[in-house]
Amino acid sequence: MKSETGDPVVCEVCWRHCRISEGGLGYCRARTVKDGVVIPANYGQLTSLALDPIEKKPLYYFHPGTSILSAGSYGCNMACPFCQNYEIAREAASSRRTARVSPKELVDKALAYRGRVNIGIAFTYNEPLVGYEYVRDTSILAREEGLETVVVTNGQIEEGPLQELLPLISAWNIDLKAFSDQGYRKLGGRLDVTLRTIRRVAELSHLEVTTLVVPGLSDNEEEMREEAAFLASIDPRIPLHLSRYFPCYQYDAPATPKEILYRLRDIARESLERVNLGNIH
């Protein structure tokens, strides 16, 4: 949407629908307005680039044993107080160093790593969909070169941009951060939006889901039973990764007891065929 009057412009990438003034920033700190048009200020601005095992995304059932070139920018449209990547997710753009990498340059880097069993590009580390245009443009070129494309996301995206991405992305890992509206409100998100994204992605792409088990937020047994039943209603073979929380950023509760993860895994397995534990050691 373009403003002809200089008034704030509505960003339509996520449910927040931020009204952004010329030169200002949306809630995610990654989208701005230039000449009356909302654009991604973080387009091609990478803060992180690494060749990772595909299992680190985590994707255990998508080309296991391979590597993927993982790229991150900055910005996020949620505000998790235990964020492990808060430096690039929530801090101001001026406080970090970035390297400008065009879509073609990123694809060329991925191709150069093919000899190290690299299968493609993963958009990860920060919330990649606040700059979905870069994901889209890079993915178009990557697919032309036979590269796989992966998105690791919180799923807080509107239907329009999601529709643009769905034909281009090979695999998704979606963070399902809790299974209650109250839990999502604490994190600055909406449960219904992530559930909608999960449903849409599952129709067309390989999908795996991750829940970070945080004391007092996502460690409730009944909510885990409901979460697993929801995923199973789509497909009982959807992999669910339960990860152990450790104190980080603004959240200092003790690390999640291992016994709770084992119990939640057993509950999830009542409905799902593939439930895995991460960060358990």
C-alpha atoms as a PDB file:
ATOM      1  CA  MET A   1       0.000   0.000   0.000  1.00  0.00           C
ATOM      2  CA  LYS A   2       1.301   3.481  -0.923  1.00  0.00           C
ATOM      3  CA  SER A   3       0.597   6.792   0.747  1.00  0.00           C
ATOM      4  CA  GLU A   4       0.157   9.769  -1.568  1.00  0.00           C
ATOM      5  CA  THR A   5      -0.346  12.198   1.308  1.00  0.00           C
ATOM      6  CA  GLY A   6       2.589  11.516   3.603  1.00  0.00           C
ATOM      7  CA  ASP A   7       0.327   9.843   6.147  1.00  0.00           C
ATOM      8  CA  PRO A   8       1.501   6.645   7.893  1.00  0.00           C
ATOM      9  CA  VAL A   9       1.234   3.514   5.734  1.00  0.00           C
ATOM     10  CA  VAL A  10      -0.150   0.188   6.949  1.00  0.00           C
ATOM     11  CA  CYS A  11       2.268  -2.751   6.750  1.00  0.00           C
ATOM     12  CA  GLU A  12       0.388  -5.913   5.793  1.00  0.00           C
ATOM     13  CA  VAL A  13       3.070  -8.557   6.405  1.00  0.00           C
ATOM     14  CA  CYS A  14       1.815  -9.626   9.826  1.00  0.00           C
ATOM     15  CA  TRP A  15      -1.299  -9.266  11.949  1.00  0.00           C
ATOM     16  CA  ARG A  16       0.042  -6.196  13.730  1.00  0.00           C
ATOM     17  CA  HIS A  17      -0.679  -4.017  10.673  1.00  0.00           C
ATOM     18  CA  CYS A  18       1.743  -1.372  11.908  1.00  0.00           C
ATOM     19  CA  ARG A  19       1.118   2.179  10.729  1.00  0.00           C
ATOM     20  CA  ILE A  20       4.576   3.348   9.714  1.00  0.00           C
ATOM     21  CA  SER A  21       5.549   6.935   8.968  1.00  0.00           C
ATOM     22  CA  GLU A  22       8.030   7.878   6.254  1.00  0.00           C
ATOM     23  CA  GLY A  23      11.465   6.741   7.444  1.00  0.00           C
ATOM     24  CA  GLY A  24      10.035   5.126  10.575  1.00  0.00           C
ATOM     25  CA  LEU A  25      10.093   1.507  11.680  1.00  0.00           C
ATOM     26  CA  GLY A  26       7.421  -1.071  12.417  1.00  0.00           C
ATOM     27  CA  TYR A  27       7.268  -3.127  15.588  1.00  0.00           C
ATOM     28  CA  CYS A  28       9.666  -5.671  14.067  1.00  0.00           C
ATOM     29  CA  ARG A  29      12.271  -2.934  13.492  1.00  0.00           C
ATOM     30  CA  ALA A  30      12.909  -4.414  10.063  1.00  0.00           C
ATOM     31  CA  ARG A  31      10.259  -2.689   7.935  1.00  0.00           C
ATOM     32  CA  THR A  32      10.141   0.993   7.018  1.00  0.00           C
ATOM     33  CA  VAL A  33       8.473   3.388   4.599  1.00  0.00           C
ATOM     34  CA  LYS A  34      10.296   4.974   1.665  1.00  0.00           C
ATOM     35  CA  ASP A  35       8.556   7.302  -0.763  1.00  0.00           C
ATOM     36  CA  GLY A  36       5.216   6.266   0.681  1.00  0.00           C
ATOM     37  CA  VAL A  37       5.772   2.514   0.247  1.00  0.00           C
ATOM     38  CA  VAL A  38       6.409  -0.095   2.957  1.00  0.00           C
ATOM     39  CA  ILE A  39       9.698  -1.882   2.266  1.00  0.00           C
ATOM     40  CA  PRO A  40      11.979  -4.265   4.189  1.00  0.00           C
ATOM     41  CA  ALA A  41      14.785  -2.138   5.648  1.00  0.00           C
ATOM     42  CA  ASN A  42      16.703  -5.365   6.266  1.00  0.00           C
ATOM     43  CA  TYR A  43      16.626  -6.557   2.635  1.00  0.00           C
ATOM     44  CA  GLY A  44      19.931  -8.334   1.950  1.00  0.00           C
ATOM     45  CA  GLN A  45      21.381  -7.205   5.285  1.00  0.00           C
ATOM     46  CA  LEU A  46      22.786 -10.367   6.834  1.00  0.00           C
ATOM     47  CA  THR A  47      23.983 -10.613  10.420  1.00  0.00           C
ATOM     48  CA  SER A  48      24.717 -14.352  10.370  1.00  0.00           C
ATOM     49  CA  LEU A  49      25.830 -16.877   7.772  1.00  0.00           C
ATOM     50  CA  ALA A  50      26.892 -20.442   8.555  1.00  0.00           C
ATOM     51  CA  LEU A  51      26.923 -23.912   7.047  1.00  0.00           C
ATOM     52  CA  ASP A  52      24.881 -26.004   9.498  1.00  0.00           C
ATOM     53  CA  PRO A  53      23.785 -29.624   9.716  1.00  0.00           C
ATOM     54  CA  ILE A  54      20.176 -29.800   8.555  1.00  0.00           C
ATOM     55  CA  GLU A  55      19.296 -31.376  11.910  1.00  0.00           C
ATOM     56  CA  LYS A  56      20.221 -28.110  13.644  1.00  0.00           C
ATOM     57  CA  LYS A  57      17.217 -26.246  12.177  1.00  0.00           C
ATOM     58  CA  PRO A  58      15.805 -28.653  13.518  1.00  0.00           C
ATOM     59  CA  LEU A  59      14.766 -30.740  10.515  1.00  0.00           C
ATOM     60  CA  TYR A  60      15.323 -34.420  11.289  1.00  0.00           C
ATOM     61  CA  TYR A  61      13.281 -35.865   8.432  1.00  0.00           C
ATOM     62  CA  PHE A  62      14.272 -33.626   5.511  1.00  0.00           C
ATOM     63  CA  HIS A  63      17.454 -34.849   3.797  1.00  0.00           C
ATOM     64  CA  PRO A  64      19.053 -36.044   7.080  1.00  0.00           C
ATOM     65  CA  GLY A  65      22.829 -36.108   7.110  1.00  0.00           C
ATOM     66  CA  THR A  66      23.189 -33.115   4.801  1.00  0.00           C
ATOM     67  CA  SER A  67      24.181 -29.499   5.395  1.00  0.00           C
ATOM     68  CA  ILE A  68      22.409 -26.236   4.641  1.00  0.00           C
ATOM     69  CA  LEU A  69      23.686 -22.680   4.306  1.00  0.00           C
ATOM     70  CA  SER A  70      21.886 -20.747   7.045  1.00  0.00           C
ATOM     71  CA  ALA A  71      21.345 -17.013   6.665  1.00  0.00           C
ATOM     72  CA  GLY A  72      19.953 -14.557   9.185  1.00  0.00           C
ATOM     73  CA  SER A  73      19.145 -10.858   9.059  1.00  0.00           C
ATOM     74  CA  TYR A  74      17.579  -8.836  11.889  1.00  0.00           C
ATOM     75  CA  GLY A  75      14.137  -8.087  13.244  1.00  0.00           C
ATOM     76  CA  CYS A  76      11.234 -10.012  14.780  1.00  0.00           C
ATOM     77  CA  ASN A  77       7.509  -9.408  15.262  1.00  0.00           C
ATOM     78  CA  MET A  78       7.349 -11.161  18.639  1.00  0.00           C
ATOM     79  CA  ALA A  79       9.042 -10.311  21.942  1.00  0.00           C
ATOM     80  CA  CYS A  80      10.007 -13.542  23.701  1.00  0.00           C
ATOM     81  CA  PRO A  81      11.847 -12.647  26.931  1.00  0.00           C
ATOM     82  CA  PHE A  82      13.989 -15.818  26.639  1.00  0.00           C
ATOM     83  CA  CYS A  83      15.092 -15.189  23.046  1.00  0.00           C
ATOM     84  CA  GLN A  84      18.437 -16.822  22.290  1.00  0.00           C
ATOM     85  CA  ASN A  85      19.075 -14.466  19.353  1.00  0.00           C
ATOM     86  CA  TYR A  86      17.856 -11.238  20.940  1.00  0.00           C
ATOM     87  CA  GLU A  87      20.846  -9.278  19.620  1.00  0.00           C
ATOM     88  CA  ILE A  88      19.535  -9.623  16.073  1.00  0.00           C
ATOM     89  CA  ALA A  89      15.850 -10.093  16.854  1.00  0.00           C
ATOM     90  CA  ARG A  90      14.998  -7.081  19.012  1.00  0.00           C
ATOM     91  CA  GLU A  91      17.940  -4.674  19.132  1.00  0.00           C
ATOM     92  CA  ALA A  92      18.014  -1.531  16.982  1.00  0.00           C
ATOM     93  CA  ALA A  93      19.472  -1.829  13.497  1.00  0.00           C
ATOM     94  CA  SER A  94      22.179   0.753  14.209  1.00  0.00           C
ATOM     95  CA  SER A  95      23.595  -1.392  17.038  1.00  0.00           C
ATOM     96  CA  ARG A  96      24.653  -4.324  14.871  1.00  0.00           C
ATOM     97  CA  ARG A  97      26.978  -5.016  11.971  1.00  0.00           C
ATOM     98  CA  THR A  98      25.531  -6.379   8.757  1.00  0.00           C
ATOM     99  CA  ALA A  99      26.919  -7.500   5.432  1.00  0.00           C
ATOM    100  CA  ARG A 100      24.983  -6.738   2.287  1.00  0.00           C
ATOM    101  CA  VAL A 101      24.389  -9.952   0.326  1.00  0.00           C
ATOM    102  CA  SER A 102      22.115  -9.907  -2.708  1.00  0.00           C
ATOM    103  CA  PRO A 103      19.856 -12.870  -3.514  1.00  0.00           C
ATOM    104  CA  LYS A 104      22.177 -13.917  -6.345  1.00  0.00           C
ATOM    105  CA  GLU A 105      25.248 -13.647  -4.125  1.00  0.00           C
ATOM    106  CA  LEU A 106      23.623 -15.835  -1.475  1.00  0.00           C
ATOM    107  CA  VAL A 107      22.662 -18.438  -4.074  1.00  0.00           C
ATOM    108  CA  ASP A 108      26.222 -18.402  -5.427  1.00  0.00           C
ATOM    109  CA  LYS A 109      27.560 -18.978  -1.908  1.00  0.00           C
ATOM    110  CA  ALA A 110      25.204 -21.922  -1.474  1.00  0.00           C
ATOM    111  CA  LEU A 111      26.308 -23.421  -4.795  1.00  0.00           C
ATOM    112  CA  ALA A 112      29.960 -23.075  -3.763  1.00  0.00           C
ATOM    113  CA  TYR A 113      29.265 -25.322  -0.751  1.00  0.00           C
ATOM    114  CA  ARG A 114      27.745 -28.170  -2.740  1.00  0.00           C
ATOM    115  CA  GLY A 115      30.966 -30.107  -2.309  1.00  0.00           C
ATOM    116  CA  ARG A 116      30.310 -30.069   1.444  1.00  0.00           C
ATOM    117  CA  VAL A 117      26.929 -31.752   1.009  1.00  0.00           C
ATOM    118  CA  ASN A 118      25.051 -28.450   1.059  1.00  0.00           C
ATOM    119  CA  ILE A 119      21.515 -28.879  -0.267  1.00  0.00           C
ATOM    120  CA  GLY A 120      20.401 -25.255  -0.228  1.00  0.00           C
ATOM    121  CA  ILE A 121      19.601 -22.206   1.878  1.00  0.00           C
ATOM    122  CA  ALA A 122      17.833 -21.834   5.238  1.00  0.00           C
ATOM    123  CA  PHE A 123      16.397 -18.501   6.347  1.00  0.00           C
ATOM    124  CA  THR A 124      16.739 -18.529  10.114  1.00  0.00           C
ATOM    125  CA  TYR A 125      18.295 -17.005  13.291  1.00  0.00           C
ATOM    126  CA  ASN A 126      16.059 -13.908  13.379  1.00  0.00           C
ATOM    127  CA  GLU A 127      12.427 -13.996  12.193  1.00  0.00           C
ATOM    128  CA  PRO A 128      12.990 -14.236   8.426  1.00  0.00           C
ATOM    129  CA  LEU A 129       9.439 -13.472   7.354  1.00  0.00           C
ATOM    130  CA  VAL A 130       9.548  -9.842   8.504  1.00  0.00           C
ATOM    131  CA  GLY A 131      11.737  -9.509   5.412  1.00  0.00           C
ATOM    132  CA  TYR A 132       9.835 -12.045   3.315  1.00  0.00           C
ATOM    133  CA  GLU A 133      10.664 -10.262   0.044  1.00  0.00           C
ATOM    134  CA  TYR A 134      14.314 -11.271   0.393  1.00  0.00           C
ATOM    135  CA  VAL A 135      13.268 -14.837   1.185  1.00  0.00           C
ATOM    136  CA  ARG A 136      11.007 -14.832  -1.881  1.00  0.00           C
ATOM    137  CA  ASP A 137      13.529 -13.348  -4.294  1.00  0.00           C
ATOM    138  CA  THR A 138      16.375 -15.588  -3.138  1.00  0.00           C
ATOM    139  CA  SER A 139      14.185 -18.685  -3.203  1.00  0.00           C
ATOM    140  CA  ILE A 140      13.157 -18.063  -6.812  1.00  0.00           C
ATOM    141  CA  LEU A 141      16.811 -18.034  -7.861  1.00  0.00           C
ATOM    142  CA  ALA A 142      17.679 -20.979  -5.604  1.00  0.00           C
ATOM    143  CA  ARG A 143      14.980 -23.171  -7.086  1.00  0.00           C
ATOM    144  CA  GLU A 144      16.253 -22.386 -10.576  1.00  0.00           C
ATOM    145  CA  GLU A 145      19.628 -23.803  -9.500  1.00  0.00           C
ATOM    146  CA  GLY A 146      18.116 -26.943  -7.967  1.00  0.00           C
ATOM    147  CA  LEU A 147      18.705 -25.804  -4.376  1.00  0.00           C
ATOM    148  CA  GLU A 148      16.326 -26.579  -1.534  1.00  0.00           C
ATOM    149  CA  THR A 149      14.907 -23.703   0.513  1.00  0.00           C
ATOM    150  CA  VAL A 150      14.065 -23.810   4.223  1.00  0.00           C
ATOM    151  CA  VAL A 151      12.339 -21.325   6.521  1.00  0.00           C
ATOM    152  CA  VAL A 152      12.557 -21.389  10.327  1.00  0.00           C
ATOM    153  CA  THR A 153       9.798 -19.093  11.573  1.00  0.00           C
ATOM    154  CA  ASN A 154       7.359 -18.175  14.321  1.00  0.00           C
ATOM    155  CA  GLY A 155       4.557 -18.348  11.757  1.00  0.00           C
ATOM    156  CA  GLN A 156       3.232 -14.845  12.506  1.00  0.00           C
ATOM    157  CA  ILE A 157       2.555 -13.922   8.878  1.00  0.00           C
ATOM    158  CA  GLU A 158      -0.524 -12.837   7.000  1.00  0.00           C
ATOM    159  CA  GLU A 159      -2.116 -14.909   4.261  1.00  0.00           C
ATOM    160  CA  GLY A 160      -0.979 -12.723   1.334  1.00  0.00           C
ATOM    161  CA  PRO A 161       2.806 -12.962   1.776  1.00  0.00           C
ATOM    162  CA  LEU A 162       2.473 -16.571   2.920  1.00  0.00           C
ATOM    163  CA  GLN A 163       0.758 -17.425  -0.365  1.00  0.00           C
ATOM    164  CA  GLU A 164       3.698 -15.915  -2.260  1.00  0.00           C
ATOM    165  CA  LEU A 165       6.176 -18.080  -0.356  1.00  0.00           C
ATOM    166  CA  LEU A 166       4.395 -21.424  -0.230  1.00  0.00           C
ATOM    167  CA  PRO A 167       5.302 -22.542  -3.792  1.00  0.00           C
ATOM    168  CA  LEU A 168       8.936 -21.547  -3.250  1.00  0.00           C
ATOM    169  CA  ILE A 169       9.852 -23.132   0.090  1.00  0.00           C
ATOM    170  CA  SER A 170      10.852 -26.801   0.331  1.00  0.00           C
ATOM    171  CA  ALA A 171      10.629 -27.251   4.100  1.00  0.00           C
ATOM    172  CA  TRP A 172       9.531 -25.310   7.161  1.00  0.00           C
ATOM    173  CA  ASN A 173      10.212 -25.514  10.859  1.00  0.00           C
ATOM    174  CA  ILE A 174       7.554 -23.532  12.706  1.00  0.00           C
ATOM    175  CA  ASP A 175       7.901 -22.554  16.354  1.00  0.00           C
ATOM    176  CA  LEU A 176       4.716 -23.334  18.254  1.00  0.00           C
ATOM    177  CA  LYS A 177       5.674 -21.458  21.375  1.00  0.00           C
ATOM    178  CA  ALA A 178       2.722 -22.408  23.586  1.00  0.00           C
ATOM    179  CA  PHE A 179      -0.765 -23.778  23.168  1.00  0.00           C
ATOM    180  CA  SER A 180      -2.840 -21.077  24.816  1.00  0.00           C
ATOM    181  CA  ASP A 181      -3.940 -17.598  23.792  1.00  0.00           C
ATOM    182  CA  GLN A 182      -2.676 -16.283  27.123  1.00  0.00           C
ATOM    183  CA  GLY A 183       0.770 -17.761  26.567  1.00  0.00           C
ATOM    184  CA  TYR A 184       1.044 -16.150  23.151  1.00  0.00           C
ATOM    185  CA  ARG A 185      -0.100 -12.773  24.447  1.00  0.00           C
ATOM    186  CA  LYS A 186       2.781 -12.853  26.931  1.00  0.00           C
ATOM    187  CA  LEU A 187       5.165 -13.211  23.994  1.00  0.00           C
ATOM    188  CA  GLY A 188       3.581 -10.566  21.790  1.00  0.00           C
ATOM    189  CA  GLY A 189       2.034 -13.021  19.352  1.00  0.00           C
ATOM    190  CA  ARG A 190      -1.233 -14.716  18.405  1.00  0.00           C
ATOM    191  CA  LEU A 191      -1.767 -18.456  18.670  1.00  0.00           C
ATOM    192  CA  ASP A 192      -4.442 -18.536  15.959  1.00  0.00           C
ATOM    193  CA  VAL A 193      -2.064 -17.021  13.404  1.00  0.00           C
ATOM    194  CA  THR A 194       0.637 -19.634  13.980  1.00  0.00           C
ATOM    195  CA  LEU A 195      -1.954 -22.430  13.837  1.00  0.00           C
ATOM    196  CA  ARG A 196      -3.247 -21.070  10.529  1.00  0.00           C
ATOM    197  CA  THR A 197       0.289 -20.988   9.148  1.00  0.00           C
ATOM    198  CA  ILE A 198       0.889 -24.574  10.269  1.00  0.00           C
ATOM    199  CA  ARG A 199      -2.285 -25.722   8.513  1.00  0.00           C
ATOM    200  CA  ARG A 200      -1.408 -23.955   5.258  1.00  0.00           C
ATOM    201  CA  VAL A 201       2.210 -25.107   5.196  1.00  0.00           C
ATOM    202  CA  ALA A 202       1.245 -28.715   5.911  1.00  0.00           C
ATOM    203  CA  GLU A 203      -0.856 -28.756   2.749  1.00  0.00           C
ATOM    204  CA  LEU A 204       2.084 -28.118   0.417  1.00  0.00           C
ATOM    205  CA  SER A 205       5.486 -28.518   2.074  1.00  0.00           C
ATOM    206  CA  HIS A 206       7.561 -30.610   4.420  1.00  0.00           C
ATOM    207  CA  LEU A 207       6.790 -29.378   7.938  1.00  0.00           C
ATOM    208  CA  GLU A 208       8.358 -29.925  11.340  1.00  0.00           C
ATOM    209  CA  VAL A 209       7.260 -28.108  14.502  1.00  0.00           C
ATOM    210  CA  THR A 210       9.313 -27.019  17.514  1.00  0.00           C
ATOM    211  CA  THR A 211       8.119 -26.152  21.007  1.00  0.00           C
ATOM    212  CA  LEU A 212      10.618 -24.738  23.486  1.00  0.00           C
ATOM    213  CA  VAL A 213       9.445 -26.072  26.842  1.00  0.00           C
ATOM    214  CA  VAL A 214       9.590 -23.052  29.154  1.00  0.00           C
ATOM    215  CA  PRO A 215       8.580 -23.323  32.844  1.00  0.00           C
ATOM    216  CA  GLY A 216       5.289 -21.558  33.439  1.00  0.00           C
ATOM    217  CA  LEU A 217       4.612 -21.029  29.740  1.00  0.00           C
ATOM    218  CA  SER A 218       4.681 -24.236  27.710  1.00  0.00           C
ATOM    219  CA  ASP A 219       5.178 -27.028  30.252  1.00  0.00           C
ATOM    220  CA  ASN A 220       1.508 -27.716  30.997  1.00  0.00           C
ATOM    221  CA  GLU A 221       0.646 -31.364  30.405  1.00  0.00           C
ATOM    222  CA  GLU A 222      -2.946 -30.805  29.267  1.00  0.00           C
ATOM    223  CA  GLU A 223      -1.896 -28.090  26.826  1.00  0.00           C
ATOM    224  CA  MET A 224       0.750 -30.421  25.400  1.00  0.00           C
ATOM    225  CA  ARG A 225      -1.921 -33.080  24.965  1.00  0.00           C
ATOM    226  CA  GLU A 226      -4.070 -30.536  23.091  1.00  0.00           C
ATOM    227  CA  GLU A 227      -1.106 -29.365  20.986  1.00  0.00           C
ATOM    228  CA  ALA A 228      -0.234 -32.894  19.921  1.00  0.00           C
ATOM    229  CA  ALA A 229      -3.879 -33.643  19.127  1.00  0.00           C
ATOM    230  CA  PHE A 230      -4.072 -30.517  16.969  1.00  0.00           C
ATOM    231  CA  LEU A 231      -1.006 -31.520  14.963  1.00  0.00           C
ATOM    232  CA  ALA A 232      -2.239 -35.096  14.660  1.00  0.00           C
ATOM    233  CA  SER A 233      -5.560 -33.846  13.293  1.00  0.00           C
ATOM    234  CA  ILE A 234      -3.565 -32.476  10.357  1.00  0.00           C
ATOM    235  CA  ASP A 235      -1.157 -35.409  10.077  1.00  0.00           C
ATOM    236  CA  PRO A 236       0.044 -37.683  12.904  1.00  0.00           C
ATOM    237  CA  ARG A 237       3.414 -37.952  11.145  1.00  0.00           C
ATOM    238  CA  ILE A 238       4.230 -34.255  11.604  1.00  0.00           C
ATOM    239  CA  PRO A 239       7.492 -34.261  13.603  1.00  0.00           C
ATOM    240  CA  LEU A 240       7.381 -32.389  16.903  1.00  0.00           C
ATOM    241  CA  HIS A 241      10.631 -31.263  18.529  1.00  0.00           C
ATOM    242  CA  LEU A 242      10.510 -30.474  22.245  1.00  0.00           C
ATOM    243  CA  SER A 243      13.507 -28.378  23.243  1.00  0.00           C
ATOM    244  CA  ARG A 244      14.815 -27.675  26.713  1.00  0.00           C
ATOM    245  CA  TYR A 245      14.782 -24.055  27.869  1.00  0.00           C
ATOM    246  CA  PHE A 246      17.847 -22.514  29.536  1.00  0.00           C
ATOM    247  CA  PRO A 247      17.937 -19.032  31.159  1.00  0.00           C
ATOM    248  CA  CYS A 248      18.564 -16.357  28.543  1.00  0.00           C
ATOM    249  CA  TYR A 249      18.023 -12.651  27.848  1.00  0.00           C
ATOM    250  CA  GLN A 250      15.341 -11.321  30.239  1.00  0.00           C
ATOM    251  CA  TYR A 251      14.069 -14.663  31.575  1.00  0.00           C
ATOM    252  CA  ASP A 252      15.909 -16.211  34.495  1.00  0.00           C
ATOM    253  CA  ALA A 253      13.733 -19.134  35.573  1.00  0.00           C
ATOM    254  CA  PRO A 254      15.822 -22.288  36.126  1.00  0.00           C
ATOM    255  CA  ALA A 255      16.350 -24.592  33.169  1.00  0.00           C
ATOM    256  CA  THR A 256      13.462 -26.915  32.423  1.00  0.00           C
ATOM    257  CA  PRO A 257      13.846 -30.153  34.431  1.00  0.00           C
ATOM    258  CA  LYS A 258      14.591 -33.099  32.172  1.00  0.00           C
ATOM    259  CA  GLU A 259      11.825 -35.104  33.788  1.00  0.00           C
ATOM    260  CA  ILE A 260       9.250 -32.633  32.468  1.00  0.00           C
ATOM    261  CA  LEU A 261      10.521 -33.031  28.910  1.00  0.00           C
ATOM    262  CA  TYR A 262      10.379 -36.815  29.158  1.00  0.00           C
ATOM    263  CA  ARG A 263       6.800 -36.600  30.468  1.00  0.00           C
ATOM    264  CA  LEU A 264       5.679 -34.174  27.754  1.00  0.00           C
ATOM    265  CA  ARG A 265       7.315 -36.335  25.102  1.00  0.00           C
ATOM    266  CA  ASP A 266       5.332 -39.339  26.299  1.00  0.00           C
ATOM    267  CA  ILE A 267       2.113 -37.303  26.272  1.00  0.00           C
ATOM    268  CA  ALA A 268       2.762 -36.011  22.736  1.00  0.00           C
ATOM    269  CA  ARG A 269       3.437 -39.555  21.573  1.00  0.00           C
ATOM    270  CA  GLU A 270      -0.115 -40.487  22.476  1.00  0.00           C
ATOM    271  CA  SER A 271      -1.119 -38.634  19.282  1.00  0.00           C
ATOM    272  CA  LEU A 272       2.036 -38.159  17.198  1.00  0.00           C
ATOM    273  CA  GLU A 273       4.349 -40.734  15.661  1.00  0.00           C
ATOM    274  CA  ARG A 274       7.545 -38.648  15.638  1.00  0.00           C
ATOM    275  CA  VAL A 275       8.391 -36.720  18.808  1.00  0.00           C
ATOM    276  CA  ASN A 276      12.008 -35.754  19.529  1.00  0.00           C
ATOM    277  CA  LEU A 277      13.819 -34.121  22.439  1.00  0.00           C
ATOM    278  CA  GLY A 278      16.436 -31.411  21.908  1.00  0.00           C
ATOM    279  CA  ASN A 279      19.002 -29.794  24.224  1.00  0.00           C
ATOM    280  CA  ILE A 280      18.355 -32.544  26.736  1.00  0.00           C
ATOM    281  CA  HIS A 281      21.981 -33.122  27.760  1.00  0.00           C
END
